[in-house]
């Protein structure tokens, strides 16, 4: 490989093998992927605690250097750096904030979705703690700060160490496959399916995204440094924050959880908004959310471009500003210029007939179950 490719032959070979392994996973139905996530949910924390335990044991629990490595930053510089790191951490979860319905739609109960309200922040804090302690320990053990767990376990060169490194890498592979499908593949495939439903279903969309995301975007360039990786993770949250803000504002404050779901799938229905099928209020709010953050993003991508300190600090608050400003802007626009046809007094759900039939005994249970069976697409005929 060329020296400026940011990837060597060995890593490219591993990357091709990984691509071959994960490609068939895109053909597995979402309903059956839950078993992969069961394994991931159990194995990943175990691996994290194992590496953490080994690090603490090797360095020594009483070694003050492990716990007391002080930062070189003080005062406001420390505070803003902390906020920037928090923003980058939230950025890694910002995809799920807008595409979590791609998964919760398969939940058996409505309250199942609320589990993520507690699980995601808890795991985010735990993994961050793992990373800080391991990076601190790597400086003591190996003489350099290793932010990548794969680079960390690559130093386990004894016979038992190589076996431990293999098992850690194997379960990290499973974890990476799960993250890739959950955060990247399924969400983009659903978007493509909504844009071109006649030509692209979810599986075709996943395969398209697999090739474009894996090769056209050259993701290995993102991993050239910890700084570059953090900049990338926080960078795309510039757009995802405003999207989440608009969705939250529309659902809770503008329409107050009252939608006609059938009309959402009617291209000429009440949610068309205009002849172009666009809601100008959402567009304006979206731009209010990300445009002020653009100078900060440009600065982190090219440090040679000078930027006002205030704009840099605004970018450090990127996700919070983007979500909050877009949500507020959208609410105010809808308050003063409401889309009257979309304001309905009662919510209309697509499964209302099925629920009514089950309660009233109009249809046998087996017919209802058949209507709600597995399949990429389910068509429910009118009750009459």
Protein backbone atom coordinates (compact mmCIF):
# COMPACT_ATOMS: atom_id res chain seq x y z
CA UNK A 1 0.00 0.00 0.00
CA UNK A 2 1.10 3.57 -0.65
CA UNK A 3 2.61 5.38 2.32
CA UNK A 4 -0.11 8.06 2.22
CA UNK A 5 -2.99 5.55 2.15
CA UNK A 6 -3.26 5.50 5.97
CA UNK A 7 -3.54 1.72 5.87
CA UNK A 8 -0.94 -1.01 5.33
CA UNK A 9 -1.27 -4.33 3.51
CA UNK A 10 -1.81 -6.31 6.70
CA UNK A 11 -4.67 -4.10 7.90
CA UNK A 12 -6.23 -4.00 4.43
CA UNK A 13 -6.18 -7.80 4.33
CA UNK A 14 -7.92 -7.90 7.71
CA UNK A 15 -10.42 -5.31 6.48
CA UNK A 16 -11.30 -7.42 3.42
CA UNK A 17 -11.79 -10.48 5.64
CA UNK A 18 -14.03 -8.44 7.94
CA UNK A 19 -16.07 -7.24 4.96
CA UNK A 20 -16.55 -10.83 3.76
CA UNK A 21 -17.67 -11.89 7.25
CA UNK A 22 -20.17 -9.08 7.78
CA UNK A 23 -21.68 -9.00 4.28
CA UNK A 24 -23.98 -12.05 4.79
CA UNK A 25 -25.22 -10.48 8.05
CA UNK A 26 -27.01 -7.85 5.98
CA UNK A 27 -29.27 -10.58 4.60
CA UNK A 28 -30.49 -11.69 8.03
CA UNK A 29 -33.97 -10.51 8.98
CA UNK A 30 -34.08 -7.86 11.67
CA UNK A 31 -36.24 -10.15 13.80
CA UNK A 32 -33.46 -12.71 13.95
CA UNK A 33 -30.61 -10.30 14.56
CA UNK A 34 -31.66 -10.05 18.20
CA UNK A 35 -29.60 -13.19 18.94
CA UNK A 36 -26.48 -11.43 17.68
CA UNK A 37 -27.25 -8.52 19.99
CA UNK A 38 -27.79 -10.89 22.91
CA UNK A 39 -24.25 -12.21 22.45
CA UNK A 40 -22.89 -8.70 21.99
CA UNK A 41 -24.66 -7.35 25.09
CA UNK A 42 -23.12 -10.07 27.28
CA UNK A 43 -19.66 -10.51 25.75
CA UNK A 44 -18.63 -6.87 25.28
CA UNK A 45 -18.85 -5.87 28.99
CA UNK A 46 -17.07 -9.10 29.94
CA UNK A 47 -14.20 -8.26 27.59
CA UNK A 48 -14.09 -4.71 28.92
CA UNK A 49 -13.86 -5.85 32.54
CA UNK A 50 -11.26 -8.48 31.59
CA UNK A 51 -8.93 -5.94 29.95
CA UNK A 52 -9.56 -3.51 32.79
CA UNK A 53 -8.76 -6.16 35.40
CA UNK A 54 -5.56 -7.19 33.64
CA UNK A 55 -4.45 -3.56 33.42
CA UNK A 56 -5.08 -2.85 37.10
CA UNK A 57 -3.34 -6.07 38.13
CA UNK A 58 -0.25 -5.40 36.02
CA UNK A 59 0.08 -1.79 37.08
CA UNK A 60 -0.95 -2.43 40.67
CA UNK A 61 -4.10 -1.24 42.38
CA UNK A 62 -2.04 0.90 44.73
CA UNK A 63 -0.01 2.54 41.97
CA UNK A 64 -0.92 6.19 42.23
CA UNK A 65 0.26 6.85 38.67
CA UNK A 66 -2.70 4.84 37.37
CA UNK A 67 -5.31 6.97 39.11
CA UNK A 68 -3.60 10.31 39.55
CA UNK A 69 -2.27 11.20 36.12
CA UNK A 70 -3.18 14.84 36.06
CA UNK A 71 -4.30 16.86 33.09
CA UNK A 72 -2.19 19.69 31.76
CA UNK A 73 -5.32 21.82 31.32
CA UNK A 74 -6.70 24.14 33.93
CA UNK A 75 -9.72 26.38 34.45
CA UNK A 76 -11.96 27.16 31.49
CA UNK A 77 -9.68 25.28 29.06
CA UNK A 78 -10.32 22.09 31.03
CA UNK A 79 -14.07 22.74 31.16
CA UNK A 80 -14.41 23.35 27.43
CA UNK A 81 -12.24 20.32 26.61
CA UNK A 82 -14.47 18.21 28.84
CA UNK A 83 -17.56 19.49 27.03
CA UNK A 84 -15.95 18.75 23.68
CA UNK A 85 -15.21 15.20 24.80
CA UNK A 86 -18.78 14.82 26.08
CA UNK A 87 -20.06 16.12 22.75
CA UNK A 88 -17.94 13.55 20.90
CA UNK A 89 -19.24 10.78 23.15
CA UNK A 90 -22.85 11.82 22.56
CA UNK A 91 -22.07 12.03 18.84
CA UNK A 92 -21.41 8.31 18.75
CA UNK A 93 -24.95 7.70 20.02
CA UNK A 94 -26.62 10.45 18.01
CA UNK A 95 -27.42 8.06 15.19
CA UNK A 96 -29.66 6.01 17.48
CA UNK A 97 -31.49 9.15 18.60
CA UNK A 98 -33.01 9.42 15.12
CA UNK A 99 -33.09 5.81 13.93
CA UNK A 100 -34.02 3.88 17.08
CA UNK A 101 -37.59 3.34 15.67
CA UNK A 102 -35.95 1.05 13.10
CA UNK A 103 -35.55 -1.37 16.02
CA UNK A 104 -38.28 -0.47 18.52
CA UNK A 105 -40.87 -1.16 15.82
CA UNK A 106 -40.19 -4.86 16.48
CA UNK A 107 -40.72 -4.59 20.25
CA UNK A 108 -43.51 -6.64 21.77
CA UNK A 109 -44.50 -3.91 24.22
CA UNK A 110 -44.39 -0.12 24.03
CA UNK A 111 -42.50 0.21 27.29
CA UNK A 112 -39.64 -1.93 25.95
CA UNK A 113 -38.25 1.11 24.14
CA UNK A 114 -37.79 3.00 27.41
CA UNK A 115 -35.11 0.56 28.55
CA UNK A 116 -32.65 2.37 26.30
CA UNK A 117 -33.27 5.55 28.31
CA UNK A 118 -31.21 3.98 31.12
CA UNK A 119 -29.02 1.48 29.30
CA UNK A 120 -27.36 3.81 26.79
CA UNK A 121 -26.12 6.45 29.29
CA UNK A 122 -24.97 3.70 31.68
CA UNK A 123 -22.97 1.85 29.05
CA UNK A 124 -21.57 5.12 27.68
CA UNK A 125 -20.23 6.07 31.12
CA UNK A 126 -18.87 2.56 31.73
CA UNK A 127 -17.02 2.31 28.42
CA UNK A 128 -15.60 5.80 28.92
CA UNK A 129 -14.26 4.69 32.32
CA UNK A 130 -12.70 1.62 30.71
CA UNK A 131 -11.02 3.78 28.10
CA UNK A 132 -9.59 6.27 30.58
CA UNK A 133 -8.12 3.62 32.90
CA UNK A 134 -6.71 1.50 30.04
CA UNK A 135 -5.15 4.51 28.33
CA UNK A 136 -3.61 5.56 31.64
CA UNK A 137 -2.33 2.03 32.22
CA UNK A 138 -0.91 1.71 28.72
CA UNK A 139 1.25 4.75 29.30
CA UNK A 140 2.78 3.01 32.33
CA UNK A 141 3.02 -0.48 30.83
CA UNK A 142 3.92 0.24 27.21
CA UNK A 143 5.28 3.79 27.30
CA UNK A 144 2.57 5.29 25.09
CA UNK A 145 -1.13 6.10 25.38
CA UNK A 146 -3.14 3.50 23.43
CA UNK A 147 -6.70 4.65 22.83
CA UNK A 148 -7.61 1.64 20.66
CA UNK A 149 -8.33 -1.61 22.58
CA UNK A 150 -7.03 -3.64 19.62
CA UNK A 151 -3.68 -1.87 19.81
CA UNK A 152 -3.72 -2.49 23.56
CA UNK A 153 -4.19 -6.28 23.37
CA UNK A 154 -1.70 -6.43 20.49
CA UNK A 155 0.97 -6.14 23.19
CA UNK A 156 -0.05 -9.46 24.73
CA UNK A 157 2.67 -11.57 23.12
CA UNK A 158 3.10 -14.47 25.54
CA UNK A 159 1.51 -17.85 24.78
CA UNK A 160 -1.41 -17.24 27.14
CA UNK A 161 -1.47 -13.59 26.15
CA UNK A 162 -1.93 -14.44 22.47
CA UNK A 163 -4.86 -16.74 23.33
CA UNK A 164 -6.46 -14.03 25.47
CA UNK A 165 -5.92 -11.50 22.69
CA UNK A 166 -7.64 -13.83 20.22
CA UNK A 167 -10.77 -14.22 22.35
CA UNK A 168 -10.91 -10.50 23.09
CA UNK A 169 -10.54 -9.70 19.39
CA UNK A 170 -13.16 -12.30 18.45
CA UNK A 171 -15.83 -10.84 20.71
CA UNK A 172 -14.84 -7.30 19.75
CA UNK A 173 -15.46 -8.41 16.17
CA UNK A 174 -18.98 -9.51 17.11
CA UNK A 175 -19.48 -6.21 18.90
CA UNK A 176 -18.31 -4.26 15.86
CA UNK A 177 -20.63 -6.20 13.55
CA UNK A 178 -23.55 -5.38 15.85
CA UNK A 179 -22.68 -1.70 16.04
CA UNK A 180 -22.17 -1.46 12.29
CA UNK A 181 -25.54 -3.01 11.51
CA UNK A 182 -27.42 -1.08 14.21
CA UNK A 183 -25.91 2.38 13.77
CA UNK A 184 -24.98 2.44 10.09
CA UNK A 185 -26.56 -0.23 7.92
CA UNK A 186 -30.20 -0.53 8.99
CA UNK A 187 -30.81 3.19 9.42
CA UNK A 188 -29.44 4.10 5.99
CA UNK A 189 -31.26 1.16 4.39
CA UNK A 190 -34.58 2.34 5.84
CA UNK A 191 -33.92 5.82 4.48
CA UNK A 192 -33.21 4.45 1.00
CA UNK A 193 -36.33 2.29 1.23
CA UNK A 194 -38.45 5.35 2.07
CA UNK A 195 -36.92 7.39 -0.77
CA UNK A 196 -37.15 4.66 -3.43
CA UNK A 197 -39.67 2.07 -2.17
CA UNK A 198 -40.36 0.79 -5.67
CA UNK A 199 -36.75 -0.24 -6.24
CA UNK A 200 -35.02 -0.62 -2.87
CA UNK A 201 -36.15 -2.75 0.06
CA UNK A 202 -34.30 -2.91 3.37
CA UNK A 203 -31.96 -5.74 2.32
CA UNK A 204 -31.01 -4.11 -0.97
CA UNK A 205 -30.46 -0.86 0.89
CA UNK A 206 -28.15 -2.59 3.36
CA UNK A 207 -26.05 -4.05 0.57
CA UNK A 208 -25.80 -0.68 -1.20
CA UNK A 209 -24.72 0.99 2.03
CA UNK A 210 -22.25 -1.82 2.74
CA UNK A 211 -20.32 -1.20 -0.47
CA UNK A 212 -20.52 2.59 -0.42
CA UNK A 213 -19.72 2.91 3.28
CA UNK A 214 -16.98 0.31 3.29
CA UNK A 215 -15.08 1.42 0.20
CA UNK A 216 -16.15 4.80 -1.18
CA UNK A 217 -15.88 6.51 2.23
CA UNK A 218 -12.47 4.91 3.07
CA UNK A 219 -13.22 4.57 6.81
CA UNK A 220 -9.63 3.66 7.65
CA UNK A 221 -8.75 7.32 7.18
CA UNK A 222 -10.95 8.11 10.18
CA UNK A 223 -8.81 5.90 12.43
CA UNK A 224 -5.46 7.53 11.67
CA UNK A 225 -5.42 9.23 15.09
CA UNK A 226 -7.50 9.61 18.22
CA UNK A 227 -7.99 13.28 17.41
CA UNK A 228 -9.24 12.52 13.91
CA UNK A 229 -11.61 9.87 15.23
CA UNK A 230 -13.08 12.23 17.86
CA UNK A 231 -13.47 14.98 15.26
CA UNK A 232 -15.36 12.58 13.01
CA UNK A 233 -17.62 11.32 15.80
CA UNK A 234 -18.53 14.84 16.88
CA UNK A 235 -18.68 16.14 13.30
CA UNK A 236 -21.69 14.29 11.96
CA UNK A 237 -23.63 15.05 15.16
CA UNK A 238 -23.81 18.63 13.84
CA UNK A 239 -26.64 17.47 11.56
CA UNK A 240 -28.12 14.68 13.68
CA UNK A 241 -28.74 16.94 16.69
CA UNK A 242 -31.10 19.29 14.81
CA UNK A 243 -32.89 16.31 13.26
CA UNK A 244 -33.53 14.82 16.70
CA UNK A 245 -34.69 18.21 17.99
CA UNK A 246 -37.25 18.61 15.20
CA UNK A 247 -38.58 15.09 15.70
CA UNK A 248 -38.95 15.58 19.45
CA UNK A 249 -40.56 19.00 19.06
CA UNK A 250 -43.03 17.79 16.43
CA UNK A 251 -44.02 14.70 18.41
CA UNK A 252 -44.36 16.12 21.91
CA UNK A 253 -45.09 19.84 21.51
CA UNK A 254 -46.51 20.52 18.04
CA UNK A 255 -48.74 17.52 17.37
CA UNK A 256 -48.78 16.33 20.98
CA UNK A 257 -48.46 12.65 20.01
CA UNK A 258 -51.52 12.80 17.74
CA UNK A 259 -50.82 11.45 14.24
CA UNK A 260 -52.89 9.76 11.61
CA UNK A 261 -50.47 6.98 10.75
CA UNK A 262 -52.39 5.96 7.62
CA UNK A 263 -51.96 9.50 6.27
CA UNK A 264 -48.19 9.31 6.78
CA UNK A 265 -48.12 6.73 3.97
CA UNK A 266 -50.47 8.66 1.67
CA UNK A 267 -48.32 10.69 -0.71
CA UNK A 268 -51.19 13.14 -1.24
CA UNK A 269 -52.36 13.11 2.37
CA UNK A 270 -52.43 15.75 5.06
CA UNK A 271 -48.70 15.46 5.72
CA UNK A 272 -47.67 16.37 2.20
CA UNK A 273 -47.58 20.04 3.34
CA UNK A 274 -47.17 21.45 -0.18
CA UNK A 275 -46.92 20.33 -3.79
CA UNK A 276 -43.23 19.49 -3.29
CA UNK A 277 -43.96 17.32 -0.27
CA UNK A 278 -41.76 19.36 2.05
CA UNK A 279 -42.36 21.08 5.37
CA UNK A 280 -40.61 24.44 5.13
CA UNK A 281 -40.79 24.90 8.91
CA UNK A 282 -38.61 21.84 9.42
CA UNK A 283 -36.11 23.04 6.81
CA UNK A 284 -35.75 26.45 8.47
CA UNK A 285 -35.38 24.90 11.94
CA UNK A 286 -32.82 22.41 10.61
CA UNK A 287 -30.66 25.20 9.21
CA UNK A 288 -30.98 27.16 12.47
CA UNK A 289 -29.57 24.12 14.23
CA UNK A 290 -26.47 23.39 12.17
CA UNK A 291 -25.39 26.52 10.26
CA UNK A 292 -23.97 28.33 13.35
CA UNK A 293 -21.91 25.21 14.10
CA UNK A 294 -20.37 24.99 10.63
CA UNK A 295 -17.41 27.36 11.33
CA UNK A 296 -16.42 25.23 14.33
CA UNK A 297 -16.58 22.06 12.25
CA UNK A 298 -14.41 23.64 9.55
CA UNK A 299 -11.88 24.66 12.19
CA UNK A 300 -11.50 21.16 13.65
CA UNK A 301 -11.09 19.72 10.16
CA UNK A 302 -8.51 22.36 9.20
CA UNK A 303 -6.73 23.97 12.16
CA UNK A 304 -4.99 26.42 9.81
CA UNK A 305 -8.26 28.33 9.54
CA UNK A 306 -8.48 30.82 12.40
CA UNK A 307 -11.76 31.07 14.27
CA UNK A 308 -13.23 33.23 16.98
CA UNK A 309 -13.03 31.62 20.44
CA UNK A 310 -16.77 32.04 20.93
CA UNK A 311 -17.52 30.07 17.76
CA UNK A 312 -15.16 27.33 18.89
CA UNK A 313 -16.96 27.09 22.23
CA UNK A 314 -20.34 27.03 20.49
CA UNK A 315 -19.13 24.01 18.52
CA UNK A 316 -18.09 22.34 21.79
CA UNK A 317 -21.76 22.58 22.76
CA UNK A 318 -22.74 21.36 19.31
CA UNK A 319 -25.26 18.60 19.98
CA UNK A 320 -26.96 20.47 22.81
CA UNK A 321 -27.19 23.68 20.80
CA UNK A 322 -28.28 21.92 17.60
CA UNK A 323 -31.00 19.89 19.28
CA UNK A 324 -32.28 22.75 21.45
CA UNK A 325 -32.24 25.51 18.84
CA UNK A 326 -33.86 23.35 16.15
CA UNK A 327 -36.55 22.15 18.55
CA UNK A 328 -37.35 25.68 19.72
CA UNK A 329 -37.25 27.16 16.20
CA UNK A 330 -39.54 24.46 14.85
CA UNK A 331 -42.03 24.90 17.69
CA UNK A 332 -42.20 28.68 17.26
CA UNK A 333 -42.61 28.42 13.48
CA UNK A 334 -45.42 25.89 13.88
CA UNK A 335 -47.02 28.04 16.56
CA UNK A 336 -47.21 31.16 14.39
CA UNK A 337 -47.59 29.43 11.00
CA UNK A 338 -49.28 26.11 11.82
CA UNK A 339 -49.90 23.42 9.25
CA UNK A 340 -53.61 23.31 10.04
CA UNK A 341 -54.55 20.12 8.10
CA UNK A 342 -52.07 18.10 10.19
CA UNK A 343 -53.58 19.16 13.52
CA UNK A 344 -56.01 16.38 14.44
CA UNK A 345 -57.97 15.93 17.65
CA UNK A 346 -57.33 12.19 18.10
CA UNK A 347 -54.53 9.87 17.07
CA UNK A 348 -55.25 7.27 14.39
CA UNK A 349 -53.26 4.03 14.62
CA UNK A 350 -52.83 1.41 11.87
CA UNK A 351 -53.57 -1.50 14.20
CA UNK A 352 -56.79 -0.03 15.61
CA UNK A 353 -58.96 -2.47 13.62
CA UNK A 354 -56.92 -5.45 14.80
CA UNK A 355 -57.13 -4.35 18.44
CA UNK A 356 -60.86 -3.73 18.09
CA UNK A 357 -61.34 -7.11 16.48
CA UNK A 358 -59.44 -8.88 19.27
CA UNK A 359 -61.42 -7.10 21.98
CA UNK A 360 -64.76 -7.52 20.27
CA UNK A 361 -64.23 -11.00 18.95
CA UNK A 362 -64.96 -10.00 15.35
CA UNK A 363 -61.96 -11.95 14.05
CA UNK A 364 -60.52 -15.20 15.42
CA UNK A 365 -57.16 -14.89 17.12
CA UNK A 366 -55.43 -17.04 14.51
CA UNK A 367 -56.44 -14.62 11.73
CA UNK A 368 -55.17 -11.67 13.72
CA UNK A 369 -51.89 -13.46 14.42
CA UNK A 370 -51.55 -14.23 10.72
CA UNK A 371 -52.04 -10.56 9.89
CA UNK A 372 -49.25 -9.68 12.28
CA UNK A 373 -46.85 -12.46 11.18
CA UNK A 374 -43.27 -12.12 10.01
CA UNK A 375 -42.51 -10.46 6.72
CA UNK A 376 -40.72 -7.50 5.22
CA UNK A 377 -44.12 -5.95 4.39
CA UNK A 378 -47.53 -6.51 5.99
CA UNK A 379 -50.72 -5.44 4.27
CA UNK A 380 -53.87 -5.17 6.37
CA UNK A 381 -57.10 -4.95 4.38
CA UNK A 382 -59.94 -2.70 5.45
CA UNK A 383 -62.21 -4.28 8.04
CA UNK A 384 -65.25 -3.89 5.83
